[in-house]
Amino acid sequence: MITTLIPLLAVGTNSDIHALISDVKRFIMYSRSTIEQAPLQLYSSAIIFVLNKSLVRGIFERSTPVWLRIKPEVQSDWDNLLQALAKPVKRVIAIAFSSSGKWLASVLSDGTVSVWDVGNGTVANVLKHPNKIEGAVFSVKEDLIASLSEHQVRIWDVDTGTTLHTIDDSFSISAIAISPASDRLAFALSNHTIKLWDIDANSLLWTFSALTTLDAAMDVMAFSPNGKVLASRLNDFSIRQWNVEDFGEAPIFIESPHRLYGNFVFSPDGRILGSISALIVHYGISLRDTRTGILLRTFDTPDSTLLAMAFSHDGKTIVTVAAYIDVILWDVEVGIAL
C-alpha cells in the first residue's frame, strides 16, 4: 500500500507528507525481516536499529521500552542501499530484472532460479531446474521467464512457477531471447545456428545460420521492440540481424573493426541498434541503421571501460555504465555527454 501511495503523492502534495511516506517505505524495507519474524518487538528491535535521522524513528522513539537504556550506534541517515535480499545458500551466477522492475530473477549455482518481488523483497517462486543454469530472461510482458542450461531451455510461468515447455538440443546453447509478444523464443547453438521456437504451439518455426566459419559463439541476442527483427552477436566482431517474419530474407551483417563488448540494444522505435566496441586504448558506442546496417554515428568514451548501455523511453538519450566512472547520459542526435 505504501508503494502505491508514493506516486499518488508525488504531484501537488505537501512535501512533508511525501517525505514521511517515503521514509516509512525505507523503514519497512530496512526492517522487513525483523517485522516479519517478531512484529511485537517492533519498538524494542526495529526502531532502535533504524537511522538516527529517520522520520519514523523521530515519531516513535519515545515508545521504546523504558528499560532499554543503552541503544546501539547506527548511521546518521539513509544511504543508497534500498534493501538487502536474503543471502542465498548457493552462489549467485546471474541476475535479470523484468521490464517494469517488478520482478528480479537470481540464478543460483545449484540449478534453481529465485523470482523475487522487488516491491516487498520476498521470493514469489523458486524454479527448480535439473541441470546447472547459466542464465535467465524475462519476457517483455513479464508473464514468462526462460532459463538456459547447456543443452536445455525451459519456459516458465512467472506467476505460478510451473514449467510450460522444455526444449532440448544436442548442441550447446549459448544465448536466449523472448519476443515482445511472448509468442516466440530464440536460442543460439554452438553449431552457429539460431532456432526460432513457437511458444504457443511448442514447435520449431525456423533455423537460421550465422554463415560463419569462425570458431565464434553467439553470446548475446535480442528482439527489436516490434518483434520483427532478431539480432545476435558473435563474440568476434560482428552482429547478424534476421527478419523473423520473412524467413527467406538474407540477414544483415554488421561488421565492426573492433571487438564488441557488453550488450547491444535497439532504440524504442527499432530503427537504431547501439553496440559497444573496444577500441585500441578505450571504448566507444556505435549506432547503426537496423534496416541497412549503415553506421550513423559513434560516441568516443576515453578513459572508461563500458559495461552496458540502454536507450531512454523516447530514444533521445543513451545511458552507459562504466567500470570506473559514474553513469553517463548521451545525446543521441549529437553524440555528446549531457
Protein backbone atom coordinates (compact mmCIF):
# COMPACT_ATOMS: atom_id res chain seq x y z
CA MET A 1 0.00 0.00 0.00
CA ILE A 2 2.88 2.36 0.80
CA THR A 3 4.37 1.76 -2.66
CA THR A 4 1.01 2.67 -4.20
CA LEU A 5 0.74 5.87 -2.17
CA ILE A 6 4.11 7.35 -3.18
CA PRO A 7 3.34 8.07 -6.88
CA LEU A 8 -0.10 9.40 -5.90
CA LEU A 9 1.54 11.85 -3.51
CA ALA A 10 4.36 12.84 -5.86
CA VAL A 11 2.49 15.69 -7.54
CA GLY A 12 0.69 18.53 -5.78
CA THR A 13 1.22 17.16 -2.28
CA ASN A 14 2.74 18.71 0.80
CA SER A 15 6.45 17.89 0.71
CA ASP A 16 6.46 16.94 4.41
CA ILE A 17 3.79 14.27 3.84
CA HIS A 18 5.65 12.89 0.83
CA ALA A 19 8.89 12.78 2.84
CA LEU A 20 7.17 10.92 5.67
CA ILE A 21 5.59 8.30 3.38
CA SER A 22 8.93 7.79 1.62
CA ASP A 23 10.65 7.37 4.98
CA VAL A 24 8.02 4.84 6.06
CA LYS A 25 8.76 2.80 2.93
CA ARG A 26 12.52 2.88 3.62
CA PHE A 27 11.87 1.87 7.24
CA ILE A 28 9.71 -1.10 6.21
CA MET A 29 12.23 -2.30 3.63
CA TYR A 30 15.13 -1.84 6.06
CA SER A 31 13.38 -3.62 8.96
CA ARG A 32 11.28 -6.14 7.00
CA SER A 33 12.90 -9.29 8.38
CA THR A 34 12.52 -8.09 11.98
CA ILE A 35 8.90 -7.05 11.47
CA GLU A 36 8.00 -10.38 9.82
CA GLN A 37 9.74 -12.60 12.39
CA ALA A 38 8.88 -10.68 15.57
CA PRO A 39 6.25 -7.98 14.99
CA LEU A 40 5.71 -7.48 18.74
CA GLN A 41 9.34 -6.39 19.06
CA LEU A 42 8.84 -3.51 16.64
CA TYR A 43 9.68 -0.81 19.19
CA SER A 44 12.45 -2.67 21.00
CA SER A 45 14.19 -4.02 17.88
CA ALA A 46 13.26 -2.29 14.64
CA ILE A 47 13.00 1.33 15.84
CA ILE A 48 16.33 1.38 17.72
CA PHE A 49 18.28 -0.02 14.78
CA VAL A 50 16.93 2.39 12.18
CA LEU A 51 18.84 5.53 11.16
CA ASN A 52 19.10 8.48 13.56
CA LYS A 53 17.55 10.95 11.10
CA SER A 54 14.67 8.65 10.11
CA LEU A 55 11.32 10.44 10.47
CA VAL A 56 9.74 7.20 11.69
CA ARG A 57 12.31 6.93 14.47
CA GLY A 58 11.72 10.54 15.47
CA ILE A 59 7.97 9.95 15.80
CA PHE A 60 8.01 6.60 17.62
CA GLU A 61 11.30 6.59 19.53
CA ARG A 62 9.51 7.70 22.71
CA SER A 63 7.54 4.44 22.54
CA THR A 64 10.61 2.29 23.02
CA PRO A 65 10.65 0.39 26.35
CA VAL A 66 11.93 2.39 29.31
CA TRP A 67 14.25 -0.45 30.33
CA LEU A 68 16.12 -0.11 27.02
CA ARG A 69 18.63 2.49 28.18
CA ILE A 70 21.69 1.54 26.11
CA LYS A 71 20.96 1.81 22.41
CA PRO A 72 23.16 0.69 19.55
CA GLU A 73 25.14 3.13 17.45
CA VAL A 74 23.67 3.49 13.96
CA GLN A 75 24.48 5.62 10.95
CA SER A 76 23.02 9.09 10.66
CA ASP A 77 20.90 8.95 7.51
CA TRP A 78 19.75 6.66 4.72
CA ASP A 79 22.38 5.66 2.17
CA ASN A 80 21.94 4.38 -1.39
CA LEU A 81 21.13 0.83 -0.30
CA LEU A 82 17.38 0.28 -0.64
CA GLN A 83 17.16 -3.30 0.51
CA ALA A 84 19.31 -6.36 1.03
CA LEU A 85 17.59 -9.53 -0.12
CA ALA A 86 18.09 -12.71 1.91
CA LYS A 87 21.55 -14.17 1.37
CA PRO A 88 21.26 -17.37 -0.71
CA VAL A 89 22.89 -20.61 0.42
CA LYS A 90 24.39 -21.19 -3.04
CA ARG A 91 26.41 -18.84 -5.23
CA VAL A 92 24.50 -16.38 -7.46
CA ILE A 93 25.81 -16.67 -11.03
CA ALA A 94 23.40 -14.35 -12.88
CA ILE A 95 20.54 -11.91 -12.28
CA ALA A 96 17.81 -10.44 -14.51
CA PHE A 97 15.19 -7.74 -13.99
CA SER A 98 11.78 -7.82 -15.63
CA SER A 99 10.94 -4.89 -17.93
CA SER A 100 8.97 -2.91 -15.32
CA GLY A 101 11.34 -3.76 -12.48
CA LYS A 102 8.61 -5.64 -10.58
CA TRP A 103 10.48 -8.97 -10.63
CA LEU A 104 14.11 -9.92 -10.13
CA ALA A 105 15.42 -13.37 -11.02
CA SER A 106 18.55 -14.67 -9.34
CA VAL A 107 20.18 -17.73 -10.88
CA LEU A 108 21.93 -19.97 -8.34
CA SER A 109 24.71 -22.49 -8.85
CA ASP A 110 22.52 -25.37 -7.63
CA GLY A 111 20.20 -25.16 -10.65
CA THR A 112 17.44 -23.00 -9.15
CA VAL A 113 16.05 -19.59 -10.08
CA SER A 114 14.55 -17.44 -7.34
CA VAL A 115 11.94 -14.96 -8.60
CA TRP A 116 11.82 -12.01 -6.19
CA ASP A 117 9.05 -9.48 -5.75
CA VAL A 118 11.15 -6.30 -5.71
CA GLY A 119 8.39 -4.30 -4.04
CA ASN A 120 8.40 -6.29 -0.81
CA GLY A 121 11.69 -8.21 -1.08
CA THR A 122 10.10 -11.66 -0.84
CA VAL A 123 10.58 -14.74 -3.02
CA ALA A 124 7.48 -15.23 -5.17
CA ASN A 125 8.59 -18.50 -6.76
CA VAL A 126 11.55 -20.86 -6.87
CA LEU A 127 12.11 -22.53 -10.24
CA LYS A 128 13.97 -25.82 -9.91
CA HIS A 129 15.99 -26.96 -12.91
CA PRO A 130 17.57 -30.44 -13.01
CA ASN A 131 20.78 -29.07 -14.51
CA LYS A 132 23.10 -26.15 -13.82
CA ILE A 133 21.51 -22.94 -15.13
CA GLU A 134 23.69 -20.41 -16.92
CA GLY A 135 21.19 -17.56 -17.31
CA ALA A 136 17.56 -16.46 -17.42
CA VAL A 137 15.50 -13.81 -19.22
CA PHE A 138 12.03 -12.36 -18.68
CA SER A 139 9.56 -11.69 -21.44
CA VAL A 140 8.64 -8.03 -22.00
CA LYS A 141 5.08 -8.80 -20.86
CA GLU A 142 6.54 -10.31 -17.65
CA ASP A 143 4.38 -13.42 -17.98
CA LEU A 144 7.21 -15.77 -18.94
CA ILE A 145 10.77 -16.47 -17.89
CA ALA A 146 13.17 -18.68 -19.86
CA SER A 147 16.11 -20.42 -18.19
CA LEU A 148 19.19 -21.64 -20.02
CA SER A 149 21.36 -24.67 -19.30
CA GLU A 150 23.99 -26.23 -21.55
CA HIS A 151 21.63 -28.36 -23.67
CA GLN A 152 18.20 -27.28 -22.50
CA VAL A 153 15.85 -24.29 -22.36
CA ARG A 154 12.87 -24.20 -20.03
CA ILE A 155 9.98 -21.76 -20.29
CA TRP A 156 8.20 -20.98 -17.03
CA ASP A 157 5.03 -19.19 -15.98
CA VAL A 158 6.16 -16.30 -13.76
CA ASP A 159 3.01 -16.19 -11.62
CA THR A 160 2.68 -19.91 -10.88
CA GLY A 161 6.29 -21.06 -11.26
CA THR A 162 5.22 -24.03 -13.38
CA THR A 163 7.17 -25.31 -16.38
CA LEU A 164 5.32 -24.65 -19.64
CA HIS A 165 7.81 -26.11 -22.12
CA THR A 166 11.14 -27.94 -22.09
CA ILE A 167 13.31 -27.74 -25.20
CA ASP A 168 16.37 -29.98 -25.55
CA ASP A 169 19.13 -29.85 -28.14
CA SER A 170 22.24 -31.91 -28.81
CA PHE A 171 24.32 -28.76 -29.37
CA SER A 172 25.33 -26.40 -26.58
CA ILE A 173 23.02 -23.41 -26.09
CA SER A 174 24.78 -20.07 -25.61
CA ALA A 175 22.06 -17.39 -25.59
CA ILE A 176 18.27 -16.98 -25.44
CA ALA A 177 15.69 -14.25 -26.11
CA ILE A 178 11.89 -13.99 -25.88
CA SER A 179 9.91 -11.88 -28.37
CA PRO A 180 7.99 -8.83 -27.04
CA ALA A 181 4.66 -10.60 -27.65
CA SER A 182 5.82 -13.64 -25.64
CA ASP A 183 4.94 -15.87 -28.59
CA ARG A 184 8.45 -16.77 -29.80
CA LEU A 185 11.69 -17.94 -28.25
CA ALA A 186 15.08 -17.75 -29.95
CA PHE A 187 18.11 -19.71 -28.78
CA ALA A 188 21.63 -19.80 -30.22
CA LEU A 189 23.57 -23.03 -30.62
CA SER A 190 27.24 -23.94 -30.77
CA ASN A 191 26.92 -25.03 -34.43
CA HIS A 192 26.41 -21.35 -35.41
CA THR A 193 22.64 -21.63 -35.84
CA ILE A 194 19.68 -19.98 -34.15
CA LYS A 195 16.40 -21.80 -33.64
CA LEU A 196 13.16 -19.83 -33.56
CA TRP A 197 10.52 -21.56 -31.43
CA ASP A 198 6.75 -21.01 -31.41
CA ILE A 199 5.92 -20.88 -27.69
CA ASP A 200 2.16 -21.31 -28.07
CA ALA A 201 2.41 -24.30 -30.42
CA ASN A 202 5.61 -25.60 -28.77
CA SER A 203 7.18 -26.26 -32.16
CA LEU A 204 10.16 -25.18 -34.24
CA LEU A 205 9.43 -22.37 -36.69
CA TRP A 206 12.77 -21.86 -38.42
CA THR A 207 16.52 -22.37 -38.16
CA PHE A 208 18.84 -19.51 -39.08
CA SER A 209 22.52 -19.96 -39.95
CA ALA A 210 25.09 -17.43 -38.75
CA LEU A 211 27.01 -18.02 -42.01
CA THR A 212 30.43 -18.06 -40.44
CA THR A 213 33.34 -20.49 -40.42
CA LEU A 214 34.99 -18.85 -37.41
CA ASP A 215 35.11 -20.57 -34.06
CA ALA A 216 32.93 -17.85 -32.51
CA ALA A 217 29.88 -18.36 -30.29
CA MET A 218 26.74 -16.21 -30.32
CA ASP A 219 26.74 -14.79 -26.81
CA VAL A 220 24.05 -12.05 -26.90
CA MET A 221 20.64 -11.93 -28.62
CA ALA A 222 17.72 -9.51 -28.65
CA PHE A 223 14.43 -8.93 -30.45
CA SER A 224 13.53 -5.50 -31.79
CA PRO A 225 10.69 -3.73 -29.91
CA ASN A 226 8.14 -4.74 -32.57
CA GLY A 227 9.40 -8.32 -32.61
CA LYS A 228 10.09 -8.29 -36.36
CA VAL A 229 13.90 -8.35 -36.15
CA LEU A 230 16.20 -10.68 -34.22
CA ALA A 231 19.81 -9.63 -33.68
CA SER A 232 22.62 -11.85 -32.47
CA ARG A 233 26.26 -11.08 -31.72
CA LEU A 234 29.14 -13.37 -32.43
CA ASN A 235 31.93 -12.91 -29.94
CA ASP A 236 34.28 -11.94 -32.74
CA PHE A 237 33.50 -8.62 -34.46
CA SER A 238 30.00 -8.89 -35.93
CA ILE A 239 26.26 -8.76 -35.40
CA ARG A 240 23.66 -10.54 -37.53
CA GLN A 241 20.10 -9.27 -37.98
CA TRP A 242 17.31 -11.54 -39.21
CA ASN A 243 13.81 -10.68 -40.39
CA VAL A 244 11.75 -13.14 -38.34
CA GLU A 245 8.63 -12.51 -40.43
CA ASP A 246 10.26 -13.34 -43.77
CA PHE A 247 12.44 -16.35 -43.03
CA GLY A 248 13.88 -16.47 -46.52
CA GLU A 249 15.34 -12.96 -46.37
CA ALA A 250 19.14 -12.81 -46.08
CA PRO A 251 20.48 -11.46 -42.78
CA ILE A 252 22.04 -8.03 -42.47
CA PHE A 253 25.70 -8.24 -41.44
CA ILE A 254 27.06 -5.55 -39.14
CA GLU A 255 30.83 -5.83 -39.11
CA SER A 256 32.93 -3.94 -36.57
CA PRO A 257 36.65 -3.17 -36.93
CA HIS A 258 36.93 -3.67 -33.16
CA ARG A 259 35.81 -6.38 -30.78
CA LEU A 260 32.26 -5.95 -29.45
CA TYR A 261 31.68 -5.97 -25.69
CA GLY A 262 28.81 -5.70 -23.24
CA ASN A 263 25.26 -5.72 -24.52
CA PHE A 264 23.66 -4.23 -27.62
CA VAL A 265 20.25 -2.58 -27.66
CA PHE A 266 17.53 -1.45 -30.06
CA SER A 267 16.11 2.05 -29.86
CA PRO A 268 12.43 2.14 -28.77
CA ASP A 269 11.27 2.59 -32.40
CA GLY A 270 13.53 -0.24 -33.57
CA ARG A 271 15.33 1.90 -36.15
CA ILE A 272 18.73 2.09 -34.42
CA LEU A 273 20.95 -0.61 -32.99
CA GLY A 274 23.52 0.51 -30.44
CA SER A 275 26.63 -1.53 -29.60
CA ILE A 276 29.79 -1.17 -27.50
CA SER A 277 33.20 -1.60 -29.13
CA ALA A 278 36.63 -1.97 -27.55
CA LEU A 279 38.90 0.45 -29.40
CA ILE A 280 42.70 0.47 -29.25
CA VAL A 281 43.05 2.20 -25.89
CA HIS A 282 39.42 2.87 -24.87
CA TYR A 283 35.79 2.06 -25.63
CA GLY A 284 33.18 3.56 -27.93
CA ILE A 285 29.49 3.39 -28.86
CA SER A 286 28.29 2.75 -32.41
CA LEU A 287 24.77 3.49 -33.66
CA ARG A 288 23.62 1.78 -36.87
CA ASP A 289 20.52 1.81 -39.06
CA THR A 290 18.76 -1.52 -38.45
CA ARG A 291 17.32 -1.59 -41.98
CA THR A 292 20.63 -1.16 -43.79
CA GLY A 293 23.37 -1.77 -41.22
CA ILE A 294 24.93 1.59 -42.14
CA LEU A 295 26.89 3.34 -39.37
CA LEU A 296 25.04 6.50 -38.30
CA ARG A 297 27.35 7.91 -35.62
CA THR A 298 29.87 6.94 -32.96
CA PHE A 299 30.46 8.19 -29.43
CA ASP A 300 34.03 8.25 -28.15
CA THR A 301 34.35 7.35 -24.46
CA PRO A 302 38.01 7.77 -23.44
CA ASP A 303 39.29 6.64 -20.08
CA SER A 304 36.33 4.36 -19.41
CA THR A 305 35.57 0.67 -19.66
CA LEU A 306 31.95 0.41 -20.77
CA LEU A 307 29.95 -2.48 -19.37
CA ALA A 308 26.39 -1.86 -20.62
CA MET A 309 24.14 0.65 -22.37
CA ALA A 310 20.42 1.43 -22.74
CA PHE A 311 18.12 3.85 -24.59
CA SER A 312 15.68 6.16 -22.81
CA HIS A 313 11.98 5.57 -23.48
CA ASP A 314 11.84 8.39 -26.04
CA GLY A 315 15.03 7.23 -27.78
CA LYS A 316 16.70 10.63 -27.46
CA THR A 317 19.19 9.66 -24.76
CA ILE A 318 21.58 6.78 -24.20
CA VAL A 319 22.84 5.83 -20.77
CA THR A 320 26.12 3.96 -20.37
CA VAL A 321 27.61 2.24 -17.33
CA ALA A 322 31.39 2.19 -16.96
CA ALA A 323 33.65 0.24 -14.63
CA TYR A 324 35.43 3.20 -13.05
CA ILE A 325 33.26 6.20 -13.98
CA ASP A 326 29.74 7.18 -12.96
CA VAL A 327 26.76 6.55 -15.23
CA ILE A 328 26.92 8.82 -18.31
CA LEU A 329 24.00 10.19 -20.36
CA TRP A 330 24.49 10.85 -24.09
CA ASP A 331 22.50 12.92 -26.56
CA VAL A 332 21.71 10.54 -29.44
CA GLU A 333 21.44 13.24 -32.11
CA VAL A 334 24.76 14.99 -31.49
CA GLY A 335 26.72 12.29 -29.69
CA ILE A 336 27.88 14.32 -26.70
CA ALA A 337 27.72 13.61 -22.99
CA LEU A 338 25.00 15.52 -21.16
